[in-house]
Amino acid sequence: MFDLMKRAFSADALLPRRALLAPSAGLALAASSSALAAPPDSFTPPRGRLESRVLPFADKSEKLKAEMRLYRELSDEADVLLWYTFTVFIVAEGYKAQAFVRYEGIEFSHHKKIGENLYWAHGHNASYPRDLATGAFVSSVINPVTKMMVEVPPTILTEDPGMLYSPEGKRPLNRKDGTFTPRYSFIRIEDDLVKCEEIRVPPDGWPQPFVETSHNWTAKALFDDPKVRRLPMGTSGGYVYPFPRWLGMGDIKGHMFGIWSGRKLDGVHQLPAEYFDRTQREHPDLLKVDLKAFEKPA
């Protein structure tokens, strides 16, 4: 769930990737879906012509069910945990675009079914900066454009307003007019994978420029099994957003570009040890989803 960008800028934080729906201490996958789709280097090359076709759906409700299975879990209530790493680039007018810093983080959320084909999701993000070359955690990095050392804070996003998902799209709970933003979500079959390509439309009032796109996949054999209601998922994508103030770009014009990859996990017990240990030490409350947000009406 990448619906915390507005706070990220007001707090001078750098938002990690998105979006996505996935938007817990996580529920275990069914045995038939415990393994993520094979990584690219282990794919079996097609012996003949590559199969690539759009997956048809009877209606918007059926498509929403498919998206819930892939991004989250097709159940009345569940925790969902995404883990990701991403690289951030500075794209400044008149300067060479340059990689700036890496991040490692999670998007941890919970959803509840509150009506027919209507789901309410709420969660948080927590990401820590890493050195581009060594991968070690860092707190300051030289801005390659200004040549100045800048403090790079962790991204701790905990003020999610909540999001409603329906066949008509999605709606932040802080949107007063009650309308849903249509989602571009294109699901297709690619040989032994099912892939969902999504372009995210940000809520009104988000800082501009902003655009986000993602590719998310699972094994077709699992997707074709209706008993698997929580599909394993790999994800990758990119997004564009304005310079955060702490970057110290002054009057230089431009924007940031981030590119991520990651996967859906069964729960926090699967997080990499170094990331888990730091979060447990500094932000232990973020290793679970705060359910108090669901105590008030949606």
Protein backbone atom coordinates (compact mmCIF):
# COMPACT_ATOMS: atom_id res chain seq x y z
CA MET A 1 0.00 0.00 0.00
CA PHE A 2 1.76 3.09 -1.14
CA ASP A 3 -0.77 5.55 0.08
CA LEU A 4 1.46 7.46 2.52
CA MET A 5 3.36 9.72 0.11
CA LYS A 6 1.76 12.92 1.33
CA ARG A 7 3.02 12.38 4.88
CA ALA A 8 6.40 11.31 3.56
CA PHE A 9 6.97 14.78 2.15
CA SER A 10 5.59 16.69 5.10
CA ALA A 11 7.96 14.74 7.36
CA ASP A 12 10.91 15.15 4.97
CA ALA A 13 11.03 11.38 4.54
CA LEU A 14 11.76 9.47 1.38
CA LEU A 15 8.91 7.18 0.47
CA PRO A 16 9.79 3.63 -0.41
CA ARG A 17 7.85 1.95 -3.08
CA ARG A 18 4.01 1.55 -3.38
CA ALA A 19 2.09 0.69 -3.84
CA LEU A 20 0.73 -1.80 -4.22
CA LEU A 21 -2.37 -3.16 -2.70
CA ALA A 22 -0.82 -5.70 -0.45
CA PRO A 23 -1.71 -4.40 0.95
CA SER A 24 0.76 -9.17 8.65
CA ALA A 25 2.56 -10.92 12.03
CA GLY A 26 1.58 -12.80 8.82
CA LEU A 27 -0.67 -15.75 8.20
CA ALA A 28 0.99 -18.87 6.86
CA LEU A 29 0.46 -19.73 3.22
CA ALA A 30 -1.30 -22.95 2.36
CA ALA A 31 1.18 -25.72 1.68
CA SER A 32 0.45 -25.59 -2.01
CA SER A 33 1.40 -21.91 -2.19
CA SER A 34 4.33 -21.67 0.22
CA ALA A 35 6.97 -21.17 -2.47
CA LEU A 36 7.30 -17.99 -4.50
CA ALA A 37 7.20 -18.25 -8.27
CA ALA A 38 10.60 -19.31 -9.60
CA PRO A 39 13.18 -16.51 -9.90
CA PRO A 40 14.02 -15.35 -13.42
CA ASP A 41 17.28 -17.30 -13.64
CA SER A 42 15.46 -20.57 -13.06
CA PHE A 43 12.62 -20.06 -15.53
CA THR A 44 12.25 -22.80 -18.09
CA PRO A 45 12.72 -21.21 -21.54
CA PRO A 46 9.78 -21.81 -23.88
CA ARG A 47 10.42 -24.63 -26.34
CA GLY A 48 8.20 -23.00 -28.89
CA ARG A 49 6.48 -19.68 -29.25
CA LEU A 50 6.09 -17.75 -25.99
CA GLU A 51 2.53 -17.71 -24.71
CA SER A 52 1.37 -14.24 -23.72
CA ARG A 53 -2.31 -13.36 -23.52
CA VAL A 54 -4.70 -11.21 -21.53
CA LEU A 55 -6.60 -13.04 -18.83
CA PRO A 56 -10.34 -12.42 -19.28
CA PHE A 57 -12.77 -11.89 -16.39
CA ALA A 58 -16.54 -12.16 -16.35
CA ASP A 59 -16.87 -8.81 -14.58
CA LYS A 60 -15.09 -6.32 -12.32
CA SER A 61 -15.94 -8.33 -9.20
CA GLU A 62 -14.16 -11.41 -10.52
CA LYS A 63 -11.13 -9.31 -11.37
CA LEU A 64 -11.10 -7.84 -7.85
CA LYS A 65 -11.08 -11.36 -6.42
CA ALA A 66 -8.07 -12.23 -8.58
CA GLU A 67 -6.26 -9.07 -7.43
CA MET A 68 -7.02 -9.83 -3.78
CA ARG A 69 -5.60 -13.35 -4.15
CA LEU A 70 -2.43 -12.00 -5.73
CA TYR A 71 -1.79 -8.78 -3.82
CA ARG A 72 -3.33 -9.72 -0.51
CA GLU A 73 -5.52 -12.70 0.46
CA LEU A 74 -9.08 -13.49 -0.61
CA SER A 75 -10.50 -13.66 2.90
CA ASP A 76 -12.69 -11.56 5.14
CA GLU A 77 -9.70 -10.50 7.23
CA ALA A 78 -5.93 -10.99 6.99
CA ASP A 79 -2.49 -9.51 7.59
CA VAL A 80 -0.27 -9.05 4.53
CA LEU A 81 3.47 -8.37 4.58
CA LEU A 82 5.59 -7.15 1.67
CA TRP A 83 9.39 -6.97 1.84
CA TYR A 84 11.37 -5.02 -0.74
CA THR A 85 14.67 -3.38 -1.63
CA PHE A 86 14.95 -0.37 -3.91
CA THR A 87 17.45 2.04 -5.40
CA VAL A 88 16.81 5.78 -5.55
CA PHE A 89 18.12 8.06 -8.31
CA ILE A 90 18.39 11.86 -8.44
CA VAL A 91 17.19 13.19 -11.80
CA ALA A 92 18.17 16.89 -11.82
CA GLU A 93 17.84 19.23 -14.79
CA GLY A 94 21.24 19.88 -16.36
CA TYR A 95 22.96 17.06 -14.44
CA LYS A 96 23.66 13.42 -15.08
CA ALA A 97 21.04 11.18 -13.44
CA GLN A 98 22.79 9.37 -10.59
CA ALA A 99 22.01 6.62 -8.12
CA PHE A 100 21.86 8.02 -4.60
CA VAL A 101 21.03 5.38 -1.99
CA ARG A 102 19.45 1.98 -1.50
CA TYR A 103 16.65 1.12 0.89
CA GLU A 104 15.32 -2.04 2.48
CA GLY A 105 11.85 -2.04 3.91
CA ILE A 106 8.43 -3.51 4.49
CA GLU A 107 4.84 -2.65 3.85
CA PHE A 108 2.75 -4.28 6.56
CA SER A 109 -1.03 -4.05 6.47
CA HIS A 110 -4.31 -5.63 7.48
CA HIS A 111 -7.61 -5.76 5.62
CA LYS A 112 -11.20 -6.41 6.60
CA LYS A 113 -14.18 -7.15 4.38
CA ILE A 114 -16.84 -4.58 5.25
CA GLY A 115 -19.37 -5.17 2.48
CA GLU A 116 -20.08 -7.07 -0.70
CA ASN A 117 -16.84 -6.84 -2.73
CA LEU A 118 -15.64 -4.04 -0.43
CA TYR A 119 -12.42 -4.24 1.59
CA TRP A 120 -10.82 -1.83 4.04
CA ALA A 121 -7.00 -1.91 4.31
CA HIS A 122 -4.73 -0.11 6.76
CA GLY A 123 -1.02 -0.43 7.48
CA HIS A 124 2.43 1.14 7.58
CA ASN A 125 5.84 1.25 5.87
CA ALA A 126 9.29 1.06 7.45
CA SER A 127 12.47 1.39 5.35
CA TYR A 128 16.14 1.95 6.20
CA PRO A 129 18.80 3.46 3.90
CA ARG A 130 21.78 1.38 2.80
CA ASP A 131 25.06 2.28 1.11
CA LEU A 132 25.00 1.77 -2.65
CA ALA A 133 28.34 -0.03 -2.78
CA THR A 134 28.54 -2.01 0.46
CA GLY A 135 24.87 -2.47 1.33
CA ALA A 136 25.58 -1.44 4.93
CA PHE A 137 23.03 0.62 6.83
CA VAL A 138 23.86 4.34 6.64
CA SER A 139 22.53 7.56 8.15
CA SER A 140 24.21 10.08 5.83
CA VAL A 141 25.23 10.08 2.16
CA ILE A 142 26.91 12.58 -0.18
CA ASN A 143 24.41 14.11 -2.58
CA PRO A 144 26.12 13.45 -5.96
CA VAL A 145 24.61 16.59 -7.48
CA THR A 146 25.33 19.19 -4.77
CA LYS A 147 28.38 17.31 -3.39
CA MET A 148 27.07 18.00 0.11
CA MET A 149 26.71 15.40 2.85
CA VAL A 150 23.03 14.99 3.77
CA GLU A 151 21.35 13.11 6.57
CA VAL A 152 19.21 10.29 5.15
CA PRO A 153 16.50 9.36 7.64
CA PRO A 154 14.71 6.03 7.83
CA THR A 155 11.26 6.15 6.29
CA ILE A 156 8.73 5.38 9.02
CA LEU A 157 5.22 5.93 7.71
CA THR A 158 2.52 5.23 10.27
CA GLU A 159 -0.28 7.68 9.51
CA ASP A 160 -2.05 5.73 6.81
CA PRO A 161 -5.58 7.13 6.44
CA GLY A 162 -6.81 3.73 5.25
CA MET A 163 -7.92 2.60 1.82
CA LEU A 164 -11.11 1.04 0.47
CA TYR A 165 -10.96 -1.40 -2.44
CA SER A 166 -13.95 -2.23 -4.61
CA PRO A 167 -14.60 -3.37 -8.19
CA GLU A 168 -14.80 0.33 -9.11
CA GLY A 169 -11.30 1.15 -7.85
CA LYS A 170 -9.95 2.47 -4.59
CA ARG A 171 -10.71 5.36 -2.25
CA PRO A 172 -8.60 6.83 0.57
CA LEU A 173 -10.68 7.14 3.72
CA ASN A 174 -9.76 10.82 3.94
CA ARG A 175 -11.47 11.53 0.62
CA LYS A 176 -14.66 13.37 1.52
CA ASP A 177 -16.72 12.98 -1.67
CA GLY A 178 -16.86 9.19 -1.48
CA THR A 179 -15.71 8.57 -5.06
CA PHE A 180 -13.40 5.74 -6.10
CA THR A 181 -10.33 6.21 -8.31
CA PRO A 182 -10.29 3.65 -11.14
CA ARG A 183 -7.24 1.38 -11.11
CA TYR A 184 -5.36 0.34 -14.21
CA SER A 185 -4.65 -3.33 -13.56
CA PHE A 186 -3.77 -5.50 -16.54
CA ILE A 187 -3.55 -9.24 -15.83
CA ARG A 188 -2.02 -11.59 -18.37
CA ILE A 189 -0.58 -15.08 -18.72
CA GLU A 190 3.09 -15.43 -19.63
CA ASP A 191 3.83 -19.14 -20.06
CA ASP A 192 3.95 -20.59 -16.53
CA LEU A 193 3.36 -17.22 -14.81
CA VAL A 194 0.41 -14.93 -14.22
CA LYS A 195 1.52 -11.30 -14.27
CA CYS A 196 -0.37 -8.20 -13.19
CA GLU A 197 0.81 -4.84 -14.52
CA GLU A 198 -0.51 -1.86 -12.62
CA ILE A 199 -0.26 1.90 -13.07
CA ARG A 200 -1.08 3.71 -9.89
CA VAL A 201 -3.26 6.81 -9.96
CA PRO A 202 -2.43 8.88 -6.85
CA PRO A 203 -5.14 10.43 -4.68
CA ASP A 204 -5.96 14.10 -5.15
CA GLY A 205 -3.53 16.44 -3.41
CA TRP A 206 -0.41 14.32 -3.73
CA PRO A 207 2.86 16.16 -4.48
CA GLN A 208 3.68 16.24 -8.19
CA PRO A 209 5.17 14.93 -10.33
CA PHE A 210 4.20 11.44 -9.25
CA VAL A 211 3.69 8.21 -11.17
CA GLU A 212 4.15 4.59 -10.19
CA THR A 213 4.02 1.37 -12.16
CA SER A 214 4.54 -2.20 -11.01
CA HIS A 215 4.78 -5.75 -12.34
CA ASN A 216 3.62 -8.50 -9.98
CA TRP A 217 3.63 -12.22 -10.60
CA THR A 218 2.80 -15.67 -9.31
CA ALA A 219 2.89 -19.23 -10.61
CA LYS A 220 0.06 -20.02 -13.03
CA ALA A 221 -0.39 -23.48 -11.52
CA LEU A 222 -1.20 -21.89 -8.16
CA PHE A 223 -3.34 -19.16 -9.72
CA ASP A 224 -5.42 -21.82 -11.48
CA ASP A 225 -6.14 -23.58 -8.19
CA PRO A 226 -9.17 -21.86 -6.58
CA LYS A 227 -8.31 -23.42 -3.21
CA VAL A 228 -5.24 -21.16 -3.00
CA ARG A 229 -6.74 -17.94 -1.71
CA ARG A 230 -3.42 -16.30 -0.77
CA LEU A 231 -1.01 -16.49 -3.68
CA PRO A 232 2.74 -16.03 -3.27
CA MET A 233 3.83 -12.93 -5.17
CA GLY A 234 6.98 -11.35 -6.54
CA THR A 235 6.96 -7.66 -7.35
CA SER A 236 9.07 -5.07 -9.13
CA GLY A 237 8.41 -1.57 -10.39
CA GLY A 238 9.39 2.06 -10.46
CA TYR A 239 8.08 5.45 -9.43
CA VAL A 240 8.78 9.17 -9.89
CA TYR A 241 8.27 11.76 -7.13
CA PRO A 242 9.51 15.24 -6.13
CA PHE A 243 12.75 16.00 -4.30
CA PRO A 244 12.36 15.61 -0.52
CA ARG A 245 13.39 18.78 1.33
CA TRP A 246 16.11 17.07 3.35
CA LEU A 247 17.98 16.30 0.11
CA GLY A 248 19.01 19.97 -0.03
CA MET A 249 18.49 20.55 -3.77
CA GLY A 250 17.76 24.28 -3.33
CA ASP A 251 16.70 25.87 -6.64
CA ILE A 252 17.77 22.89 -8.75
CA LYS A 253 14.79 21.47 -10.61
CA GLY A 254 14.08 17.82 -11.13
CA HIS A 255 12.67 14.78 -9.40
CA MET A 256 13.52 11.42 -7.86
CA PHE A 257 13.23 8.02 -9.47
CA GLY A 258 13.04 4.78 -7.51
CA ILE A 259 13.05 1.18 -8.68
CA TRP A 260 12.23 -1.75 -6.40
CA SER A 261 11.91 -5.51 -6.24
CA GLY A 262 10.50 -7.69 -3.51
CA ARG A 263 8.00 -10.31 -2.51
CA LYS A 264 5.08 -11.15 -0.26
CA LEU A 265 6.11 -13.03 2.88
CA ASP A 266 4.26 -15.39 5.22
CA GLY A 267 5.09 -13.21 8.23
CA VAL A 268 7.81 -11.32 10.07
CA HIS A 269 9.61 -14.58 10.88
CA GLN A 270 10.70 -14.64 7.22
CA LEU A 271 12.29 -11.19 7.20
CA PRO A 272 16.07 -11.05 6.63
CA ALA A 273 17.82 -11.24 10.00
CA GLU A 274 19.61 -7.88 9.80
CA TYR A 275 16.44 -6.00 8.88
CA PHE A 276 14.37 -7.84 11.50
CA ASP A 277 16.93 -7.21 14.27
CA ARG A 278 17.11 -3.49 13.55
CA THR A 279 13.34 -3.09 13.45
CA GLN A 280 12.90 -5.14 16.60
CA ARG A 281 15.47 -2.92 18.32
CA GLU A 282 14.30 0.50 17.06
CA HIS A 283 10.63 0.09 16.07
CA PRO A 284 9.29 -3.16 17.56
CA ASP A 285 5.71 -1.92 17.22
CA LEU A 286 6.11 -2.00 13.42
CA LEU A 287 6.52 -5.77 13.40
CA LYS A 288 2.76 -6.01 13.76
CA VAL A 289 -0.19 -4.08 12.39
CA ASP A 290 -2.01 -1.68 14.71
CA LEU A 291 -5.66 -2.76 14.50
CA LYS A 292 -7.02 0.20 16.47
CA ALA A 293 -7.62 2.00 13.16
CA PHE A 294 -10.43 -0.45 12.44
CA GLU A 295 -12.32 0.49 15.61
CA LYS A 296 -13.84 3.57 13.98
CA PRO A 297 -16.31 3.46 11.08
CA ALA A 298 -14.82 3.40 7.57
